[in-house]
């Protein structure tokens, strides 16, 4: 299950995170919005789970992001264009998914076994 979560988060990173987080790094106001969304996602995925293993946190984060994305796609959502300036007017879903990518970065890949 951990591998699937990592794989899904990597795909989300390519689809939304790379552009969104680059734009956030360049635009302080956007960075603040992503940080606020990250705090909300962190609260939603860790409430009552203090001391939970990192793998569980990674799976919960991927599950949360997957739910947001599935709901948004049912309503016709598409990620902002790859041009970082398009993120100046990013919608709630784009910001929330960028925040998921931001949080996912704290989970370093598991070391490979020889």
N, C-alpha and C. Protein backbone atom coordinates (compact mmCIF):
# COMPACT_ATOMS: atom_id res chain seq x y z
N UNK A 1 0.82 -1.19 0.00
CA UNK A 1 0.00 0.00 0.00
C UNK A 1 0.87 1.26 0.00
N UNK A 2 2.01 1.21 0.71
CA UNK A 2 2.91 2.36 0.73
C UNK A 2 3.39 2.69 -0.67
N UNK A 3 3.74 1.66 -1.45
CA UNK A 3 4.23 1.89 -2.80
C UNK A 3 3.17 2.58 -3.65
N UNK A 4 1.94 2.12 -3.55
CA UNK A 4 0.86 2.74 -4.31
C UNK A 4 0.68 4.20 -3.91
N UNK A 5 0.76 4.49 -2.63
CA UNK A 5 0.63 5.87 -2.16
C UNK A 5 1.75 6.73 -2.72
N UNK A 6 2.97 6.23 -2.66
CA UNK A 6 4.11 6.98 -3.21
C UNK A 6 3.96 7.20 -4.71
N UNK A 7 3.54 6.17 -5.40
CA UNK A 7 3.38 6.27 -6.85
C UNK A 7 2.29 7.29 -7.20
N UNK A 8 1.17 7.24 -6.48
CA UNK A 8 0.09 8.18 -6.75
C UNK A 8 0.52 9.61 -6.43
N UNK A 9 1.21 9.81 -5.32
CA UNK A 9 1.67 11.15 -4.96
C UNK A 9 2.71 11.67 -5.96
N UNK A 10 3.52 10.78 -6.49
CA UNK A 10 4.49 11.20 -7.52
C UNK A 10 3.78 11.67 -8.78
N UNK A 11 2.72 10.98 -9.15
CA UNK A 11 1.93 11.38 -10.32
C UNK A 11 1.26 12.73 -10.07
N UNK A 12 0.72 12.92 -8.87
CA UNK A 12 0.10 14.20 -8.52
C UNK A 12 1.15 15.31 -8.55
N UNK A 13 2.33 15.00 -8.09
CA UNK A 13 3.43 15.98 -8.11
C UNK A 13 3.71 16.42 -9.54
N UNK A 14 3.74 15.48 -10.47
CA UNK A 14 3.99 15.83 -11.87
C UNK A 14 2.84 16.63 -12.46
N UNK A 15 1.61 16.29 -12.09
CA UNK A 15 0.44 16.92 -12.68
C UNK A 15 0.14 18.30 -12.10
N UNK A 16 0.36 18.47 -10.79
CA UNK A 16 -0.03 19.70 -10.12
C UNK A 16 1.12 20.32 -9.32
N UNK A 17 1.83 19.50 -8.59
CA UNK A 17 2.81 19.99 -7.63
C UNK A 17 3.98 20.76 -8.21
N UNK A 18 4.57 20.26 -9.26
CA UNK A 18 5.76 20.93 -9.80
C UNK A 18 5.47 22.37 -10.17
N UNK A 19 4.43 22.58 -10.93
CA UNK A 19 4.09 23.94 -11.35
C UNK A 19 3.57 24.77 -10.18
N UNK A 20 2.68 24.19 -9.40
CA UNK A 20 2.09 24.94 -8.29
C UNK A 20 3.10 25.34 -7.24
N UNK A 21 3.99 24.44 -6.87
CA UNK A 21 4.97 24.77 -5.84
C UNK A 21 6.05 25.72 -6.38
N UNK A 22 6.37 25.62 -7.67
CA UNK A 22 7.30 26.59 -8.27
C UNK A 22 6.67 27.98 -8.28
N UNK A 23 5.40 28.05 -8.60
CA UNK A 23 4.70 29.33 -8.59
C UNK A 23 4.63 29.88 -7.17
N UNK A 24 4.38 29.00 -6.20
CA UNK A 24 4.31 29.45 -4.80
C UNK A 24 5.66 29.98 -4.33
N UNK A 25 6.74 29.38 -4.80
CA UNK A 25 8.07 29.86 -4.43
C UNK A 25 8.33 31.26 -4.98
N UNK A 26 7.73 31.56 -6.11
CA UNK A 26 7.95 32.87 -6.76
C UNK A 26 6.94 33.94 -6.32
N UNK A 27 5.80 33.52 -5.82
CA UNK A 27 4.73 34.47 -5.47
C UNK A 27 4.41 34.34 -3.98
N UNK A 28 4.88 35.29 -3.15
CA UNK A 28 4.68 35.18 -1.70
C UNK A 28 3.22 35.00 -1.28
N UNK A 29 2.30 35.69 -1.91
CA UNK A 29 0.89 35.53 -1.56
C UNK A 29 0.39 34.13 -1.81
N UNK A 30 0.81 33.55 -2.91
CA UNK A 30 0.42 32.18 -3.25
C UNK A 30 1.06 31.21 -2.26
N UNK A 31 2.30 31.49 -1.90
CA UNK A 31 2.99 30.64 -0.92
C UNK A 31 2.22 30.60 0.40
N UNK A 32 1.72 31.74 0.82
CA UNK A 32 0.94 31.80 2.06
C UNK A 32 -0.35 30.99 1.93
N UNK A 33 -0.99 31.06 0.78
CA UNK A 33 -2.22 30.29 0.58
C UNK A 33 -1.95 28.79 0.60
N UNK A 34 -0.86 28.37 -0.05
CA UNK A 34 -0.50 26.94 -0.04
C UNK A 34 -0.19 26.50 1.38
N UNK A 35 0.51 27.34 2.14
CA UNK A 35 0.80 27.01 3.54
C UNK A 35 -0.47 26.85 4.36
N UNK A 36 -1.45 27.71 4.14
CA UNK A 36 -2.72 27.60 4.86
C UNK A 36 -3.44 26.31 4.49
N UNK A 37 -3.43 25.97 3.21
CA UNK A 37 -4.04 24.71 2.79
C UNK A 37 -3.28 23.52 3.37
N UNK A 38 -1.96 23.62 3.42
CA UNK A 38 -1.16 22.53 3.98
C UNK A 38 -1.49 22.31 5.45
N UNK A 39 -1.70 23.38 6.18
CA UNK A 39 -2.07 23.25 7.59
C UNK A 39 -3.42 22.54 7.72
N UNK A 40 -4.37 22.88 6.86
CA UNK A 40 -5.69 22.24 6.91
C UNK A 40 -5.59 20.77 6.53
N UNK A 41 -4.79 20.46 5.52
CA UNK A 41 -4.62 19.06 5.12
C UNK A 41 -3.94 18.28 6.23
N UNK A 42 -2.91 18.86 6.82
CA UNK A 42 -2.20 18.20 7.92
C UNK A 42 -3.18 17.90 9.06
N UNK A 43 -4.01 18.88 9.41
CA UNK A 43 -5.00 18.65 10.47
C UNK A 43 -5.97 17.54 10.10
N UNK A 44 -6.42 17.54 8.86
CA UNK A 44 -7.40 16.55 8.42
C UNK A 44 -6.83 15.14 8.37
N UNK A 45 -5.53 15.02 8.12
CA UNK A 45 -4.94 13.69 7.96
C UNK A 45 -4.21 13.18 9.19
N UNK A 46 -4.05 14.02 10.20
CA UNK A 46 -3.31 13.57 11.38
C UNK A 46 -4.08 13.72 12.68
N UNK A 47 -5.28 14.28 12.66
CA UNK A 47 -6.04 14.49 13.88
C UNK A 47 -6.22 13.18 14.64
N UNK A 48 -5.74 13.15 15.86
CA UNK A 48 -5.87 11.97 16.70
C UNK A 48 -4.91 10.85 16.38
N UNK A 49 -3.94 11.12 15.53
CA UNK A 49 -3.01 10.06 15.11
C UNK A 49 -1.57 10.34 15.53
N UNK A 50 -1.38 11.06 16.61
CA UNK A 50 -0.02 11.36 17.06
C UNK A 50 0.78 10.07 17.20
N UNK A 51 2.00 10.12 16.77
CA UNK A 51 2.88 8.97 16.88
C UNK A 51 2.64 7.89 15.82
N UNK A 52 1.80 8.18 14.84
CA UNK A 52 1.54 7.21 13.78
C UNK A 52 2.78 7.07 12.91
N UNK A 53 3.03 5.89 12.44
CA UNK A 53 4.19 5.65 11.57
C UNK A 53 4.09 6.50 10.31
N UNK A 54 5.24 6.86 9.78
CA UNK A 54 5.29 7.69 8.57
C UNK A 54 4.55 7.04 7.40
N UNK A 55 4.62 5.72 7.30
CA UNK A 55 3.94 5.04 6.20
C UNK A 55 2.44 5.28 6.28
N UNK A 56 1.89 5.21 7.48
CA UNK A 56 0.46 5.46 7.65
C UNK A 56 0.14 6.89 7.26
N UNK A 57 0.98 7.84 7.64
CA UNK A 57 0.77 9.23 7.27
C UNK A 57 0.80 9.43 5.78
N UNK A 58 1.71 8.77 5.12
CA UNK A 58 1.83 8.85 3.66
C UNK A 58 0.58 8.30 2.99
N UNK A 59 0.10 7.19 3.47
CA UNK A 59 -1.10 6.57 2.90
C UNK A 59 -2.32 7.46 3.14
N UNK A 60 -2.44 8.01 4.35
CA UNK A 60 -3.56 8.91 4.64
C UNK A 60 -3.51 10.16 3.76
N UNK A 61 -2.33 10.70 3.56
CA UNK A 61 -2.17 11.87 2.71
C UNK A 61 -2.56 11.57 1.27
N UNK A 62 -2.09 10.44 0.75
CA UNK A 62 -2.45 10.05 -0.62
C UNK A 62 -3.95 9.81 -0.74
N UNK A 63 -4.53 9.19 0.25
CA UNK A 63 -5.97 8.93 0.22
C UNK A 63 -6.76 10.25 0.24
N UNK A 64 -6.33 11.18 1.06
CA UNK A 64 -6.98 12.48 1.12
C UNK A 64 -6.89 13.18 -0.24
N UNK A 65 -5.69 13.25 -0.80
CA UNK A 65 -5.50 13.90 -2.09
C UNK A 65 -6.29 13.22 -3.19
N UNK A 66 -6.33 11.91 -3.16
CA UNK A 66 -7.09 11.17 -4.16
C UNK A 66 -8.57 11.51 -4.08
N UNK A 67 -9.09 11.63 -2.87
CA UNK A 67 -10.50 12.00 -2.70
C UNK A 67 -10.79 13.39 -3.23
N UNK A 68 -9.92 14.35 -2.93
CA UNK A 68 -10.11 15.72 -3.43
C UNK A 68 -10.07 15.72 -4.96
N UNK A 69 -9.10 15.02 -5.54
CA UNK A 69 -8.96 15.00 -6.99
C UNK A 69 -10.15 14.30 -7.67
N UNK A 70 -10.57 13.19 -7.13
CA UNK A 70 -11.71 12.47 -7.72
C UNK A 70 -12.97 13.33 -7.70
N UNK A 71 -13.23 13.96 -6.58
CA UNK A 71 -14.40 14.83 -6.46
C UNK A 71 -14.33 15.99 -7.45
N UNK A 72 -13.16 16.59 -7.57
CA UNK A 72 -12.98 17.73 -8.48
C UNK A 72 -13.15 17.30 -9.93
N UNK A 73 -12.59 16.16 -10.29
CA UNK A 73 -12.70 15.70 -11.69
C UNK A 73 -14.14 15.36 -12.05
N UNK A 74 -14.91 14.89 -11.09
CA UNK A 74 -16.33 14.63 -11.35
C UNK A 74 -17.05 15.92 -11.75
N UNK A 75 -16.52 17.02 -11.31
CA UNK A 75 -17.12 18.33 -11.59
C UNK A 75 -16.40 19.07 -12.72
N UNK A 76 -15.53 18.36 -13.44
CA UNK A 76 -14.89 18.94 -14.61
C UNK A 76 -13.62 19.73 -14.34
N UNK A 77 -13.03 19.60 -13.17
CA UNK A 77 -11.81 20.34 -12.83
C UNK A 77 -10.64 19.86 -13.67
N UNK A 78 -9.78 20.78 -14.03
CA UNK A 78 -8.51 20.48 -14.69
C UNK A 78 -7.45 21.34 -14.02
N UNK A 79 -6.21 20.85 -13.94
CA UNK A 79 -5.16 21.65 -13.29
C UNK A 79 -4.88 22.92 -14.08
N UNK A 80 -4.37 23.93 -13.37
CA UNK A 80 -3.99 25.16 -14.08
C UNK A 80 -2.92 24.87 -15.13
N UNK A 81 -2.79 25.75 -16.12
CA UNK A 81 -1.73 25.56 -17.12
C UNK A 81 -0.35 25.53 -16.45
N UNK A 82 0.61 25.02 -17.18
CA UNK A 82 1.95 24.91 -16.61
C UNK A 82 2.65 26.24 -16.44
N UNK A 83 2.11 27.29 -17.00
CA UNK A 83 2.67 28.63 -16.81
C UNK A 83 2.44 29.06 -15.35
N UNK A 84 3.51 29.28 -14.59
CA UNK A 84 3.35 29.63 -13.18
C UNK A 84 2.47 30.86 -12.93
N UNK A 85 2.40 31.79 -13.88
CA UNK A 85 1.57 32.97 -13.65
C UNK A 85 0.09 32.62 -13.61
N UNK A 86 -0.30 31.49 -14.19
CA UNK A 86 -1.69 31.06 -14.13
C UNK A 86 -2.12 30.73 -12.70
N UNK A 87 -1.14 30.47 -11.84
CA UNK A 87 -1.44 30.13 -10.45
C UNK A 87 -1.82 31.36 -9.62
N UNK A 88 -1.66 32.55 -10.17
CA UNK A 88 -2.07 33.76 -9.43
C UNK A 88 -3.55 33.71 -9.08
N UNK A 89 -4.33 33.04 -9.91
CA UNK A 89 -5.78 32.94 -9.70
C UNK A 89 -6.20 31.49 -9.50
N UNK A 90 -5.33 30.71 -8.88
CA UNK A 90 -5.61 29.28 -8.67
C UNK A 90 -6.86 29.08 -7.82
N UNK A 91 -7.62 28.05 -8.17
CA UNK A 91 -8.83 27.72 -7.43
C UNK A 91 -8.50 26.90 -6.18
N UNK A 92 -9.52 26.66 -5.38
CA UNK A 92 -9.37 25.94 -4.11
C UNK A 92 -8.75 24.55 -4.35
N UNK A 93 -9.24 23.84 -5.33
CA UNK A 93 -8.76 22.48 -5.59
C UNK A 93 -7.28 22.47 -5.95
N UNK A 94 -6.88 23.37 -6.81
CA UNK A 94 -5.46 23.45 -7.20
C UNK A 94 -4.58 23.74 -6.00
N UNK A 95 -5.01 24.67 -5.17
CA UNK A 95 -4.24 25.01 -3.96
C UNK A 95 -4.19 23.84 -3.00
N UNK A 96 -5.31 23.15 -2.83
CA UNK A 96 -5.35 22.02 -1.91
C UNK A 96 -4.44 20.90 -2.38
N UNK A 97 -4.45 20.62 -3.68
CA UNK A 97 -3.59 19.56 -4.21
C UNK A 97 -2.12 19.95 -4.18
N UNK A 98 -1.82 21.22 -4.41
CA UNK A 98 -0.43 21.68 -4.26
C UNK A 98 0.02 21.51 -2.81
N UNK A 99 -0.88 21.75 -1.88
CA UNK A 99 -0.55 21.57 -0.46
C UNK A 99 -0.29 20.10 -0.15
N UNK A 100 -1.06 19.20 -0.74
CA UNK A 100 -0.81 17.76 -0.56
C UNK A 100 0.60 17.43 -1.06
N UNK A 101 0.97 17.96 -2.21
CA UNK A 101 2.32 17.73 -2.75
C UNK A 101 3.39 18.30 -1.83
N UNK A 102 3.13 19.47 -1.30
CA UNK A 102 4.06 20.11 -0.36
C UNK A 102 4.28 19.21 0.86
N UNK A 103 3.22 18.69 1.41
CA UNK A 103 3.33 17.82 2.58
C UNK A 103 3.98 16.49 2.24
N UNK A 104 3.72 15.98 1.04
CA UNK A 104 4.28 14.69 0.64
C UNK A 104 5.80 14.74 0.57
N UNK A 105 6.34 15.92 0.32
CA UNK A 105 7.80 16.05 0.20
C UNK A 105 8.51 15.69 1.50
N UNK A 106 7.81 15.76 2.63
CA UNK A 106 8.47 15.44 3.90
C UNK A 106 8.68 13.94 4.08
N UNK A 107 7.97 13.15 3.28
CA UNK A 107 8.12 11.70 3.37
C UNK A 107 9.19 11.25 2.40
N UNK A 108 10.40 11.09 2.89
CA UNK A 108 11.50 10.65 2.03
C UNK A 108 11.22 9.23 1.56
N UNK A 109 11.63 8.90 0.35
CA UNK A 109 11.43 7.52 -0.13
C UNK A 109 12.11 6.54 0.80
N UNK A 110 11.50 5.40 0.96
CA UNK A 110 12.08 4.35 1.80
C UNK A 110 13.38 3.87 1.18
N UNK A 111 14.39 3.59 1.99
CA UNK A 111 15.64 3.09 1.43
C UNK A 111 15.42 1.76 0.73
N UNK A 112 16.10 1.59 -0.38
CA UNK A 112 15.98 0.33 -1.14
C UNK A 112 16.86 -0.74 -0.50
N UNK A 113 16.32 -1.92 -0.50
CA UNK A 113 17.09 -3.03 0.06
C UNK A 113 17.96 -3.64 -1.03
N UNK A 114 19.17 -4.04 -0.66
CA UNK A 114 20.06 -4.63 -1.67
C UNK A 114 19.59 -5.96 -2.17
